[in-house]
Amino acid sequence: MLTSLPVLDLSRLDAGPAEADAFRADLRRVTHDVGFFYLVGHGIDQGLTDDLLAVSRRFFELPAEQKLAIENVKSPQFRGYTRVGGELTHGDIDWREQIDIGVERDVVEPGPGVAEYWRLEGPNLWPEALPELREVALRWNDELNALALRLLRAWALSLGAAEDVFDDAFATHPFSLTKIVRYPGESNPESKQGVGAHRDGGVLTLLLVEPGKGGLQVEHDGDWIDAPSVPGAFVVNIGEMLELATHGYLKATLHRVISPRIGDDRISIPFFFNPALDAIMPRLDLPPELEAETRGLSVDPTNSPILETYGDNALRYRLRAHPNVVEAHHSDLLP
């Protein structure tokens, strides 16, 4: 019976060919069996991590009117601040406040032949009172992009594919997203939902949790496993697009977040590594021994099928998670 998440050390990739092969085998096994693990030895500077957590605290301490000045309802790209109760996961209200920060790019003008998911491409919203957030958050995005691509290449080799099989989709124009989240205390003592049970709809998530905090729970064989923060580690999980690429051999796992007790709170910063919006996730030809262990695709709690083009998945999630933004900017997409 699994009682805690496995721990993998990425520095093993630099410890010689045999150790690198062993790491890749462990990576494949853990994400086939569990879909979640702690990653240490990743090389992300602790100073950058400390800076991000500190500036995140300062953001949430801003007066409400300064946070609401960059509320996501002002962004057609669903960027910026979301107040407590302003996001839904599978129709249920998430008890958290957050700021969504994506890759800084120009808006794609709509027109004939322009896919609807290009509406998600564009600029971020930044708080005027906290200019240092922009520098730290964009550096975080760049460094975690590089880390996530290295992991993706390790998966490719472990699955019998070419190391660069995912590069066309990810290496030059990824649609990555950092969420800086604060969960206010709501449980007293019975548990209250911070985020409802779900699978991530993208490819790969690297989660930073404030030291000494818990709340994340991962489903395994019908039980919920607690996944508290581990010093110096990311919590890593795969999303539905990587499950799709491996015909269900790798596992996108249900997880949820429980609110802290009243009187406490928690900062949590997930980084979602996703391909370009127009990318179609490569389908890998697995070796026969791995193909024999594929399980088909997970059933989403809403019975929503996984779509091949990443942007279609991303837009669908935003439309159902932020109906206020949809009403303000995308009413033509409403049923």
C-alpha atoms as a PDB file:
ATOM      1  CA  MET A   1       0.000   0.000   0.000  1.00  0.00           C
ATOM      2  CA  LEU A   2       1.445   3.356  -1.059  1.00  0.00           C
ATOM      3  CA  THR A   3       1.513   5.890   1.793  1.00  0.00           C
ATOM      4  CA  SER A   4       3.705   8.663   0.317  1.00  0.00           C
ATOM      5  CA  LEU A   5       4.831   9.798  -3.104  1.00  0.00           C
ATOM      6  CA  PRO A   6       8.085   8.398  -4.561  1.00  0.00           C
ATOM      7  CA  VAL A   7      11.172  10.647  -4.656  1.00  0.00           C
ATOM      8  CA  LEU A   8      13.312  10.953  -7.820  1.00  0.00           C
ATOM      9  CA  ASP A   9      16.674  12.742  -8.079  1.00  0.00           C
ATOM     10  CA  LEU A  10      17.215  14.449 -11.446  1.00  0.00           C
ATOM     11  CA  SER A  11      20.948  14.873 -10.805  1.00  0.00           C
ATOM     12  CA  ARG A  12      21.293  11.151 -11.573  1.00  0.00           C
ATOM     13  CA  LEU A  13      21.083  12.129 -15.251  1.00  0.00           C
ATOM     14  CA  ASP A  14      24.559  13.667 -14.839  1.00  0.00           C
ATOM     15  CA  ALA A  15      26.085  10.728 -12.946  1.00  0.00           C
ATOM     16  CA  GLY A  16      27.140   8.611 -15.935  1.00  0.00           C
ATOM     17  CA  PRO A  17      25.282   6.526 -18.543  1.00  0.00           C
ATOM     18  CA  ALA A  18      24.299   3.662 -16.235  1.00  0.00           C
ATOM     19  CA  GLU A  19      22.871   5.932 -13.548  1.00  0.00           C
ATOM     20  CA  ALA A  20      21.079   8.047 -16.170  1.00  0.00           C
ATOM     21  CA  ASP A  21      19.470   4.912 -17.616  1.00  0.00           C
ATOM     22  CA  ALA A  22      18.414   3.849 -14.112  1.00  0.00           C
ATOM     23  CA  PHE A  23      16.851   7.251 -13.463  1.00  0.00           C
ATOM     24  CA  ARG A  24      14.884   7.107 -16.709  1.00  0.00           C
ATOM     25  CA  ALA A  25      13.641   3.606 -15.845  1.00  0.00           C
ATOM     26  CA  ASP A  26      12.498   4.820 -12.417  1.00  0.00           C
ATOM     27  CA  LEU A  27      10.817   7.840 -14.014  1.00  0.00           C
ATOM     28  CA  ARG A  28       8.903   5.596 -16.403  1.00  0.00           C
ATOM     29  CA  ARG A  29       7.885   3.157 -13.662  1.00  0.00           C
ATOM     30  CA  VAL A  30       6.712   5.814 -11.202  1.00  0.00           C
ATOM     31  CA  THR A  31       4.629   7.677 -13.761  1.00  0.00           C
ATOM     32  CA  HIS A  32       3.138   4.423 -15.036  1.00  0.00           C
ATOM     33  CA  ASP A  33       2.176   3.275 -11.542  1.00  0.00           C
ATOM     34  CA  VAL A  34       1.415   6.512  -9.672  1.00  0.00           C
ATOM     35  CA  GLY A  35       1.603   9.533 -11.985  1.00  0.00           C
ATOM     36  CA  PHE A  36       3.024  11.746  -9.199  1.00  0.00           C
ATOM     37  CA  PHE A  37       6.420  12.061  -7.544  1.00  0.00           C
ATOM     38  CA  TYR A  38       8.741  14.428  -5.676  1.00  0.00           C
ATOM     39  CA  LEU A  39      11.637  15.762  -7.777  1.00  0.00           C
ATOM     40  CA  VAL A  40      14.914  16.721  -6.081  1.00  0.00           C
ATOM     41  CA  GLY A  41      18.328  17.487  -7.580  1.00  0.00           C
ATOM     42  CA  HIS A  42      16.614  19.663 -10.186  1.00  0.00           C
ATOM     43  CA  GLY A  43      19.099  22.566 -10.163  1.00  0.00           C
ATOM     44  CA  ILE A  44      16.609  25.409  -9.663  1.00  0.00           C
ATOM     45  CA  ASP A  45      18.322  28.031  -7.508  1.00  0.00           C
ATOM     46  CA  GLN A  46      16.932  28.180  -3.963  1.00  0.00           C
ATOM     47  CA  GLY A  47      17.336  31.955  -3.994  1.00  0.00           C
ATOM     48  CA  LEU A  48      14.941  32.232  -6.932  1.00  0.00           C
ATOM     49  CA  THR A  49      12.459  29.984  -5.134  1.00  0.00           C
ATOM     50  CA  ASP A  50      12.676  32.103  -1.980  1.00  0.00           C
ATOM     51  CA  ASP A  51      12.243  35.307  -4.007  1.00  0.00           C
ATOM     52  CA  LEU A  52       9.140  33.943  -5.736  1.00  0.00           C
ATOM     53  CA  LEU A  53       7.521  32.846  -2.481  1.00  0.00           C
ATOM     54  CA  ALA A  54       8.317  36.209  -0.849  1.00  0.00           C
ATOM     55  CA  VAL A  55       6.946  38.330  -3.697  1.00  0.00           C
ATOM     56  CA  SER A  56       3.880  36.072  -3.842  1.00  0.00           C
ATOM     57  CA  ARG A  57       3.178  36.811  -0.176  1.00  0.00           C
ATOM     58  CA  ARG A  58       3.552  40.535  -0.862  1.00  0.00           C
ATOM     59  CA  PHE A  59       1.105  40.324  -3.738  1.00  0.00           C
ATOM     60  CA  PHE A  60      -1.636  38.745  -1.652  1.00  0.00           C
ATOM     61  CA  GLU A  61      -1.031  41.315   1.099  1.00  0.00           C
ATOM     62  CA  LEU A  62      -1.863  44.168  -1.306  1.00  0.00           C
ATOM     63  CA  PRO A  63      -5.154  46.022  -0.694  1.00  0.00           C
ATOM     64  CA  ALA A  64      -8.083  44.389  -2.435  1.00  0.00           C
ATOM     65  CA  GLU A  65      -8.520  47.283  -4.860  1.00  0.00           C
ATOM     66  CA  GLN A  66      -4.924  46.896  -6.116  1.00  0.00           C
ATOM     67  CA  LYS A  67      -5.409  43.188  -6.744  1.00  0.00           C
ATOM     68  CA  LEU A  68      -8.766  43.759  -8.403  1.00  0.00           C
ATOM     69  CA  ALA A  69      -7.158  46.344 -10.691  1.00  0.00           C
ATOM     70  CA  ILE A  70      -5.709  43.366 -12.571  1.00  0.00           C
ATOM     71  CA  GLU A  71      -8.693  41.039 -12.181  1.00  0.00           C
ATOM     72  CA  ASN A  72      -8.849  38.401 -14.905  1.00  0.00           C
ATOM     73  CA  VAL A  73     -12.223  39.657 -16.127  1.00  0.00           C
ATOM     74  CA  LYS A  74     -10.176  42.481 -17.713  1.00  0.00           C
ATOM     75  CA  SER A  75      -8.095  39.975 -19.718  1.00  0.00           C
ATOM     76  CA  PRO A  76      -9.431  38.167 -22.799  1.00  0.00           C
ATOM     77  CA  GLN A  77      -6.519  35.765 -22.228  1.00  0.00           C
ATOM     78  CA  PHE A  78      -7.777  34.787 -18.734  1.00  0.00           C
ATOM     79  CA  ARG A  79      -4.637  36.246 -17.131  1.00  0.00           C
ATOM     80  CA  GLY A  80      -4.365  38.233 -13.927  1.00  0.00           C
ATOM     81  CA  TYR A  81      -6.025  38.008 -10.534  1.00  0.00           C
ATOM     82  CA  THR A  82      -8.905  35.716  -9.597  1.00  0.00           C
ATOM     83  CA  ARG A  83     -10.682  36.477  -6.334  1.00  0.00           C
ATOM     84  CA  VAL A  84     -11.643  33.766  -3.836  1.00  0.00           C
ATOM     85  CA  GLY A  85     -14.430  31.666  -5.320  1.00  0.00           C
ATOM     86  CA  GLY A  86     -13.772  32.986  -8.817  1.00  0.00           C
ATOM     87  CA  GLU A  87     -12.730  29.707 -10.456  1.00  0.00           C
ATOM     88  CA  LEU A  88     -14.587  26.440 -10.895  1.00  0.00           C
ATOM     89  CA  THR A  89     -13.145  22.936 -11.108  1.00  0.00           C
ATOM     90  CA  HIS A  90     -15.698  20.553 -12.620  1.00  0.00           C
ATOM     91  CA  GLY A  91     -18.493  22.924 -11.650  1.00  0.00           C
ATOM     92  CA  ASP A  92     -17.508  23.287  -7.990  1.00  0.00           C
ATOM     93  CA  ILE A  93     -16.189  26.535  -6.494  1.00  0.00           C
ATOM     94  CA  ASP A  94     -12.469  26.549  -5.622  1.00  0.00           C
ATOM     95  CA  TRP A  95     -11.696  28.322  -2.353  1.00  0.00           C
ATOM     96  CA  ARG A  96      -8.540  30.162  -3.355  1.00  0.00           C
ATOM     97  CA  GLU A  97      -7.284  33.444  -4.791  1.00  0.00           C
ATOM     98  CA  GLN A  98      -4.610  33.488  -7.468  1.00  0.00           C
ATOM     99  CA  ILE A  99      -2.813  35.278 -10.252  1.00  0.00           C
ATOM    100  CA  ASP A 100      -2.312  33.549 -13.621  1.00  0.00           C
ATOM    101  CA  ILE A 101       0.918  34.371 -15.481  1.00  0.00           C
ATOM    102  CA  GLY A 102       1.600  32.998 -18.939  1.00  0.00           C
ATOM    103  CA  VAL A 103       4.185  33.577 -21.640  1.00  0.00           C
ATOM    104  CA  GLU A 104       4.315  37.257 -22.692  1.00  0.00           C
ATOM    105  CA  ARG A 105       3.281  37.367 -26.354  1.00  0.00           C
ATOM    106  CA  ASP A 106       1.365  39.568 -28.773  1.00  0.00           C
ATOM    107  CA  VAL A 107      -2.352  39.105 -29.246  1.00  0.00           C
ATOM    108  CA  VAL A 108      -3.331  36.969 -32.240  1.00  0.00           C
ATOM    109  CA  GLU A 109      -5.945  38.828 -34.257  1.00  0.00           C
ATOM    110  CA  PRO A 110      -9.063  36.770 -35.020  1.00  0.00           C
ATOM    111  CA  GLY A 111     -10.143  36.149 -38.563  1.00  0.00           C
ATOM    112  CA  PRO A 112     -11.075  33.485 -41.119  1.00  0.00           C
ATOM    113  CA  GLY A 113      -9.084  30.324 -40.554  1.00  0.00           C
ATOM    114  CA  VAL A 114      -7.747  31.473 -37.161  1.00  0.00           C
ATOM    115  CA  ALA A 115      -8.542  28.815 -34.561  1.00  0.00           C
ATOM    116  CA  GLU A 116     -10.512  29.989 -31.529  1.00  0.00           C
ATOM    117  CA  TYR A 117      -7.822  28.803 -29.108  1.00  0.00           C
ATOM    118  CA  TRP A 118      -5.488  31.586 -30.313  1.00  0.00           C
ATOM    119  CA  ARG A 119      -7.612  33.890 -28.167  1.00  0.00           C
ATOM    120  CA  LEU A 120      -5.535  32.596 -25.235  1.00  0.00           C
ATOM    121  CA  GLU A 121      -2.274  34.038 -26.588  1.00  0.00           C
ATOM    122  CA  GLY A 122      -1.371  37.530 -25.363  1.00  0.00           C
ATOM    123  CA  PRO A 123       0.023  39.649 -22.525  1.00  0.00           C
ATOM    124  CA  ASN A 124      -0.139  39.294 -18.754  1.00  0.00           C
ATOM    125  CA  LEU A 125      -1.616  41.753 -16.270  1.00  0.00           C
ATOM    126  CA  TRP A 126       0.866  43.070 -13.687  1.00  0.00           C
ATOM    127  CA  PRO A 127       0.238  44.949 -10.416  1.00  0.00           C
ATOM    128  CA  GLU A 128       1.604  48.494 -10.552  1.00  0.00           C
ATOM    129  CA  ALA A 129       2.415  48.414  -6.831  1.00  0.00           C
ATOM    130  CA  LEU A 130       4.653  45.343  -7.150  1.00  0.00           C
ATOM    131  CA  PRO A 131       6.866  45.691 -10.253  1.00  0.00           C
ATOM    132  CA  GLU A 132       9.338  43.071  -8.987  1.00  0.00           C
ATOM    133  CA  LEU A 133       6.713  40.355  -9.504  1.00  0.00           C
ATOM    134  CA  ARG A 134       7.136  40.568 -13.283  1.00  0.00           C
ATOM    135  CA  GLU A 135      10.908  39.984 -13.236  1.00  0.00           C
ATOM    136  CA  VAL A 136      10.789  37.097 -10.766  1.00  0.00           C
ATOM    137  CA  ALA A 137       7.775  35.365 -12.334  1.00  0.00           C
ATOM    138  CA  LEU A 138       9.087  35.540 -15.908  1.00  0.00           C
ATOM    139  CA  ARG A 139      12.493  34.217 -14.815  1.00  0.00           C
ATOM    140  CA  TRP A 140      10.695  31.382 -13.015  1.00  0.00           C
ATOM    141  CA  ASN A 141       8.757  30.602 -16.164  1.00  0.00           C
ATOM    142  CA  ASP A 142      11.948  30.486 -18.265  1.00  0.00           C
ATOM    143  CA  GLU A 143      13.876  28.257 -15.853  1.00  0.00           C
ATOM    144  CA  LEU A 144      11.023  25.831 -15.303  1.00  0.00           C
ATOM    145  CA  ASN A 145      10.464  25.608 -19.052  1.00  0.00           C
ATOM    146  CA  ALA A 146      14.054  24.363 -19.389  1.00  0.00           C
ATOM    147  CA  LEU A 147      13.670  21.944 -16.478  1.00  0.00           C
ATOM    148  CA  ALA A 148      10.389  20.558 -17.803  1.00  0.00           C
ATOM    149  CA  LEU A 149      11.819  20.054 -21.309  1.00  0.00           C
ATOM    150  CA  ARG A 150      14.713  18.108 -19.807  1.00  0.00           C
ATOM    151  CA  LEU A 151      12.253  15.856 -18.002  1.00  0.00           C
ATOM    152  CA  LEU A 152      10.193  15.384 -21.159  1.00  0.00           C
ATOM    153  CA  ARG A 153      13.297  14.306 -23.076  1.00  0.00           C
ATOM    154  CA  ALA A 154      14.091  11.799 -20.309  1.00  0.00           C
ATOM    155  CA  TRP A 155      10.592  10.359 -20.638  1.00  0.00           C
ATOM    156  CA  ALA A 156      11.008  10.073 -24.405  1.00  0.00           C
ATOM    157  CA  LEU A 157      14.168   7.985 -24.072  1.00  0.00           C
ATOM    158  CA  SER A 158      12.627   5.855 -21.325  1.00  0.00           C
ATOM    159  CA  LEU A 159       9.725   5.014 -23.647  1.00  0.00           C
ATOM    160  CA  GLY A 160      11.949   3.922 -26.529  1.00  0.00           C
ATOM    161  CA  ALA A 161      11.495   7.110 -28.578  1.00  0.00           C
ATOM    162  CA  ALA A 162      13.998   9.634 -29.896  1.00  0.00           C
ATOM    163  CA  GLU A 163      15.073  12.143 -27.250  1.00  0.00           C
ATOM    164  CA  ASP A 164      13.771  15.068 -29.321  1.00  0.00           C
ATOM    165  CA  VAL A 165      10.416  13.532 -30.266  1.00  0.00           C
ATOM    166  CA  PHE A 166       8.533  16.231 -28.328  1.00  0.00           C
ATOM    167  CA  ASP A 167      10.751  19.170 -29.312  1.00  0.00           C
ATOM    168  CA  ASP A 168       8.651  20.414 -32.242  1.00  0.00           C
ATOM    169  CA  ALA A 169       5.671  20.845 -29.905  1.00  0.00           C
ATOM    170  CA  PHE A 170       7.519  22.244 -26.890  1.00  0.00           C
ATOM    171  CA  ALA A 171      10.995  23.618 -27.497  1.00  0.00           C
ATOM    172  CA  THR A 172      10.253  26.909 -29.284  1.00  0.00           C
ATOM    173  CA  HIS A 173       6.689  28.069 -28.557  1.00  0.00           C
ATOM    174  CA  PRO A 174       5.362  26.372 -25.407  1.00  0.00           C
ATOM    175  CA  PHE A 175       2.152  27.659 -23.849  1.00  0.00           C
ATOM    176  CA  SER A 176       3.306  27.467 -20.246  1.00  0.00           C
ATOM    177  CA  LEU A 177       1.402  28.915 -17.307  1.00  0.00           C
ATOM    178  CA  THR A 178       2.347  29.755 -13.713  1.00  0.00           C
ATOM    179  CA  LYS A 179      -0.423  30.080 -11.142  1.00  0.00           C
ATOM    180  CA  ILE A 180       0.459  31.790  -7.874  1.00  0.00           C
ATOM    181  CA  VAL A 181      -2.224  30.613  -5.485  1.00  0.00           C
ATOM    182  CA  ARG A 182      -3.192  31.441  -1.918  1.00  0.00           C
ATOM    183  CA  TYR A 183      -5.539  29.101  -0.074  1.00  0.00           C
ATOM    184  CA  PRO A 184      -7.173  30.877   2.887  1.00  0.00           C
ATOM    185  CA  GLY A 185      -8.061  28.795   5.940  1.00  0.00           C
ATOM    186  CA  GLU A 186     -11.550  27.352   5.628  1.00  0.00           C
ATOM    187  CA  SER A 187     -11.491  23.875   7.256  1.00  0.00           C
ATOM    188  CA  ASN A 188     -12.808  23.914  10.846  1.00  0.00           C
ATOM    189  CA  PRO A 189     -12.033  21.089  11.518  1.00  0.00           C
ATOM    190  CA  GLU A 190     -13.939  19.246   8.805  1.00  0.00           C
ATOM    191  CA  SER A 191     -12.182  19.440   5.447  1.00  0.00           C
ATOM    192  CA  LYS A 192     -13.370  21.982   2.877  1.00  0.00           C
ATOM    193  CA  GLN A 193     -12.521  22.016  -0.833  1.00  0.00           C
ATOM    194  CA  GLY A 194      -9.595  24.137  -1.953  1.00  0.00           C
ATOM    195  CA  VAL A 195      -9.646  22.585  -5.445  1.00  0.00           C
ATOM    196  CA  GLY A 196     -11.939  19.770  -6.494  1.00  0.00           C
ATOM    197  CA  ALA A 197     -10.721  16.380  -7.697  1.00  0.00           C
ATOM    198  CA  HIS A 198      -9.371  16.642 -11.248  1.00  0.00           C
ATOM    199  CA  ARG A 199      -6.672  15.592 -13.683  1.00  0.00           C
ATOM    200  CA  ASP A 200      -4.461  18.231 -15.254  1.00  0.00           C
ATOM    201  CA  GLY A 201      -5.409  18.745 -18.870  1.00  0.00           C
ATOM    202  CA  GLY A 202      -1.937  19.606 -20.143  1.00  0.00           C
ATOM    203  CA  VAL A 203       1.312  17.670 -20.221  1.00  0.00           C
ATOM    204  CA  LEU A 204       3.440  18.196 -17.120  1.00  0.00           C
ATOM    205  CA  THR A 205       3.031  20.092 -13.832  1.00  0.00           C
ATOM    206  CA  LEU A 206       5.816  21.207 -11.464  1.00  0.00           C
ATOM    207  CA  LEU A 207       4.354  22.287  -8.137  1.00  0.00           C
ATOM    208  CA  LEU A 208       6.091  24.429  -5.511  1.00  0.00           C
ATOM    209  CA  VAL A 209       4.400  24.374  -2.097  1.00  0.00           C
ATOM    210  CA  GLU A 210       5.254  26.764   0.698  1.00  0.00           C
ATOM    211  CA  PRO A 211       7.543  25.048   3.265  1.00  0.00           C
ATOM    212  CA  GLY A 212       5.758  23.293   6.089  1.00  0.00           C
ATOM    213  CA  LYS A 213       2.393  23.216   4.334  1.00  0.00           C
ATOM    214  CA  GLY A 214       0.150  20.391   3.171  1.00  0.00           C
ATOM    215  CA  GLY A 215      -3.286  20.004   1.625  1.00  0.00           C
ATOM    216  CA  LEU A 216      -2.551  18.281  -1.682  1.00  0.00           C
ATOM    217  CA  GLN A 217      -3.970  14.765  -1.921  1.00  0.00           C
ATOM    218  CA  VAL A 218      -3.322  12.249  -4.714  1.00  0.00           C
ATOM    219  CA  GLU A 219      -5.614   9.357  -5.573  1.00  0.00           C
ATOM    220  CA  HIS A 220      -4.012   5.891  -5.754  1.00  0.00           C
ATOM    221  CA  ASP A 221      -5.940   2.611  -5.898  1.00  0.00           C
ATOM    222  CA  GLY A 222      -9.011   4.245  -4.411  1.00  0.00           C
ATOM    223  CA  ASP A 223      -7.213   5.921  -1.497  1.00  0.00           C
ATOM    224  CA  TRP A 224      -6.113   9.545  -1.038  1.00  0.00           C
ATOM    225  CA  ILE A 225      -2.394  10.015  -0.290  1.00  0.00           C
ATOM    226  CA  ASP A 226      -1.253  13.222   1.413  1.00  0.00           C
ATOM    227  CA  ALA A 227       1.518  15.060  -0.468  1.00  0.00           C
ATOM    228  CA  PRO A 228       2.905  17.766   1.861  1.00  0.00           C
ATOM    229  CA  SER A 229       5.786  20.022   0.855  1.00  0.00           C
ATOM    230  CA  VAL A 230       9.281  18.484   0.960  1.00  0.00           C
ATOM    231  CA  PRO A 231      12.199  20.924   1.353  1.00  0.00           C
ATOM    232  CA  GLY A 232      13.919  21.586  -1.969  1.00  0.00           C
ATOM    233  CA  ALA A 233      11.510  19.404  -3.954  1.00  0.00           C
ATOM    234  CA  PHE A 234       8.858  19.921  -6.581  1.00  0.00           C
ATOM    235  CA  VAL A 235       5.748  17.784  -6.694  1.00  0.00           C
ATOM    236  CA  VAL A 236       5.576  16.579 -10.305  1.00  0.00           C
ATOM    237  CA  ASN A 237       2.653  15.027 -12.135  1.00  0.00           C
ATOM    238  CA  ILE A 238       1.737  14.315 -15.718  1.00  0.00           C
ATOM    239  CA  GLY A 239      -1.393  15.548 -17.441  1.00  0.00           C
ATOM    240  CA  GLU A 240      -3.843  14.074 -19.882  1.00  0.00           C
ATOM    241  CA  MET A 241      -1.857  15.033 -23.001  1.00  0.00           C
ATOM    242  CA  LEU A 242       1.110  12.870 -21.960  1.00  0.00           C
ATOM    243  CA  GLU A 243      -1.261  10.058 -21.134  1.00  0.00           C
ATOM    244  CA  LEU A 244      -2.688  10.487 -24.634  1.00  0.00           C
ATOM    245  CA  ALA A 245       0.791  10.409 -26.193  1.00  0.00           C
ATOM    246  CA  THR A 246       1.547   7.070 -24.521  1.00  0.00           C
ATOM    247  CA  HIS A 247      -1.831   5.390 -25.188  1.00  0.00           C
ATOM    248  CA  GLY A 248      -2.504   5.364 -21.453  1.00  0.00           C
ATOM    249  CA  TYR A 249       0.815   3.812 -20.444  1.00  0.00           C
ATOM    250  CA  LEU A 250       1.682   6.902 -18.370  1.00  0.00           C
ATOM    251  CA  LYS A 251      -0.980   7.860 -15.865  1.00  0.00           C
ATOM    252  CA  ALA A 252      -2.691  11.222 -15.397  1.00  0.00           C
ATOM    253  CA  THR A 253      -3.846  10.963 -11.808  1.00  0.00           C
ATOM    254  CA  LEU A 254      -6.768  12.472  -9.947  1.00  0.00           C
ATOM    255  CA  HIS A 255      -5.778  14.930  -7.224  1.00  0.00           C
ATOM    256  CA  ARG A 256      -7.442  17.536  -5.036  1.00  0.00           C
ATOM    257  CA  VAL A 257      -6.540  20.236  -2.529  1.00  0.00           C
ATOM    258  CA  ILE A 258      -7.993  20.566   0.971  1.00  0.00           C
ATOM    259  CA  SER A 259      -8.236  24.065   2.460  1.00  0.00           C
ATOM    260  CA  PRO A 260      -6.040  24.870   5.473  1.00  0.00           C
ATOM    261  CA  ARG A 261      -7.596  25.164   8.918  1.00  0.00           C
ATOM    262  CA  ILE A 262      -9.217  28.484   9.779  1.00  0.00           C
ATOM    263  CA  GLY A 263      -6.519  30.872  10.989  1.00  0.00           C
ATOM    264  CA  ASP A 264      -3.916  29.503   8.554  1.00  0.00           C
ATOM    265  CA  ASP A 265      -3.286  29.797   4.818  1.00  0.00           C
ATOM    266  CA  ARG A 266      -0.955  28.375   2.168  1.00  0.00           C
ATOM    267  CA  ILE A 267       0.911  29.599  -0.909  1.00  0.00           C
ATOM    268  CA  SER A 268       1.082  27.071  -3.747  1.00  0.00           C
ATOM    269  CA  ILE A 269       2.671  27.727  -7.153  1.00  0.00           C
ATOM    270  CA  PRO A 270       1.952  25.206  -9.909  1.00  0.00           C
ATOM    271  CA  PHE A 271       3.795  25.558 -13.214  1.00  0.00           C
ATOM    272  CA  PHE A 272       2.022  23.937 -16.164  1.00  0.00           C
ATOM    273  CA  PHE A 273       4.321  22.939 -19.042  1.00  0.00           C
ATOM    274  CA  ASN A 274       2.270  22.698 -22.191  1.00  0.00           C
ATOM    275  CA  PRO A 275       2.959  22.631 -25.935  1.00  0.00           C
ATOM    276  CA  ALA A 276       2.180  25.353 -28.436  1.00  0.00           C
ATOM    277  CA  LEU A 277      -1.554  25.919 -28.740  1.00  0.00           C
ATOM    278  CA  ASP A 278      -1.621  24.508 -32.272  1.00  0.00           C
ATOM    279  CA  ALA A 279       0.502  21.479 -31.403  1.00  0.00           C
ATOM    280  CA  ILE A 280      -0.850  17.984 -31.851  1.00  0.00           C
ATOM    281  CA  MET A 281       0.716  15.760 -29.231  1.00  0.00           C
ATOM    282  CA  PRO A 282       2.920  13.097 -30.853  1.00  0.00           C
ATOM    283  CA  ARG A 283       1.644   9.538 -30.410  1.00  0.00           C
ATOM    284  CA  LEU A 284       4.583   7.347 -29.450  1.00  0.00           C
ATOM    285  CA  ASP A 285       5.177   3.884 -30.878  1.00  0.00           C
ATOM    286  CA  LEU A 286       5.963   2.042 -27.659  1.00  0.00           C
ATOM    287  CA  PRO A 287       8.131  -1.080 -27.493  1.00  0.00           C
ATOM    288  CA  PRO A 288       5.970  -4.233 -27.388  1.00  0.00           C
ATOM    289  CA  GLU A 289       6.642  -4.886 -23.699  1.00  0.00           C
ATOM    290  CA  LEU A 290       5.371  -1.408 -22.799  1.00  0.00           C
ATOM    291  CA  GLU A 291       2.503  -1.440 -25.290  1.00  0.00           C
ATOM    292  CA  ALA A 292       1.245  -4.594 -23.545  1.00  0.00           C
ATOM    293  CA  GLU A 293       0.881  -2.565 -20.333  1.00  0.00           C
ATOM    294  CA  THR A 294      -1.144   0.323 -21.788  1.00  0.00           C
ATOM    295  CA  ARG A 295      -4.519   0.874 -20.138  1.00  0.00           C
ATOM    296  CA  GLY A 296      -6.377   3.199 -22.479  1.00  0.00           C
ATOM    297  CA  LEU A 297      -7.235   6.740 -21.472  1.00  0.00           C
ATOM    298  CA  SER A 298      -8.558   7.799 -18.083  1.00  0.00           C
ATOM    299  CA  VAL A 299     -12.195   8.780 -17.820  1.00  0.00           C
ATOM    300  CA  ASP A 300     -12.487  12.462 -16.988  1.00  0.00           C
ATOM    301  CA  PRO A 301     -14.879  13.199 -14.073  1.00  0.00           C
ATOM    302  CA  THR A 302     -17.011  15.204 -16.542  1.00  0.00           C
ATOM    303  CA  ASN A 303     -16.645  12.571 -19.301  1.00  0.00           C
ATOM    304  CA  SER A 304     -14.921  15.175 -21.473  1.00  0.00           C
ATOM    305  CA  PRO A 305     -12.697  13.464 -24.071  1.00  0.00           C
ATOM    306  CA  ILE A 306      -9.031  14.400 -24.364  1.00  0.00           C
ATOM    307  CA  LEU A 307      -8.618  16.407 -27.562  1.00  0.00           C
ATOM    308  CA  GLU A 308      -5.559  15.965 -29.789  1.00  0.00           C
ATOM    309  CA  THR A 309      -4.773  19.652 -30.362  1.00  0.00           C
ATOM    310  CA  TYR A 310      -3.594  21.178 -27.119  1.00  0.00           C
ATOM    311  CA  GLY A 311      -5.268  24.560 -27.658  1.00  0.00           C
ATOM    312  CA  ASP A 312      -8.694  22.931 -27.890  1.00  0.00           C
ATOM    313  CA  ASN A 313      -8.177  21.411 -24.431  1.00  0.00           C
ATOM    314  CA  ALA A 314      -6.824  24.656 -22.975  1.00  0.00           C
ATOM    315  CA  LEU A 315      -9.702  26.759 -24.293  1.00  0.00           C
ATOM    316  CA  ARG A 316     -12.302  24.259 -23.117  1.00  0.00           C
ATOM    317  CA  TYR A 317     -10.881  24.348 -19.595  1.00  0.00           C
ATOM    318  CA  ARG A 318     -10.847  28.159 -19.456  1.00  0.00           C
ATOM    319  CA  LEU A 319     -14.407  28.407 -20.743  1.00  0.00           C
ATOM    320  CA  ARG A 320     -15.778  26.156 -18.024  1.00  0.00           C
ATOM    321  CA  ALA A 321     -13.516  27.463 -15.222  1.00  0.00           C
ATOM    322  CA  HIS A 322     -14.047  31.225 -15.697  1.00  0.00           C
ATOM    323  CA  PRO A 323     -17.587  31.954 -16.910  1.00  0.00           C
ATOM    324  CA  ASN A 324     -17.249  35.635 -15.926  1.00  0.00           C
ATOM    325  CA  VAL A 325     -14.350  36.117 -18.375  1.00  0.00           C
ATOM    326  CA  VAL A 326     -16.259  34.241 -21.057  1.00  0.00           C
ATOM    327  CA  GLU A 327     -19.284  36.505 -20.619  1.00  0.00           C
ATOM    328  CA  ALA A 328     -17.109  39.628 -20.812  1.00  0.00           C
ATOM    329  CA  HIS A 329     -14.927  38.683 -23.795  1.00  0.00           C
ATOM    330  CA  HIS A 330     -16.085  35.475 -25.471  1.00  0.00           C
ATOM    331  CA  SER A 331     -19.881  35.486 -25.382  1.00  0.00           C
ATOM    332  CA  ASP A 332     -19.916  34.224 -28.963  1.00  0.00           C
ATOM    333  CA  LEU A 333     -18.566  30.900 -27.658  1.00  0.00           C
ATOM    334  CA  LEU A 334     -21.368  30.431 -25.128  1.00  0.00           C
ATOM    335  CA  PRO A 335     -23.791  27.568 -25.879  1.00  0.00           C
END
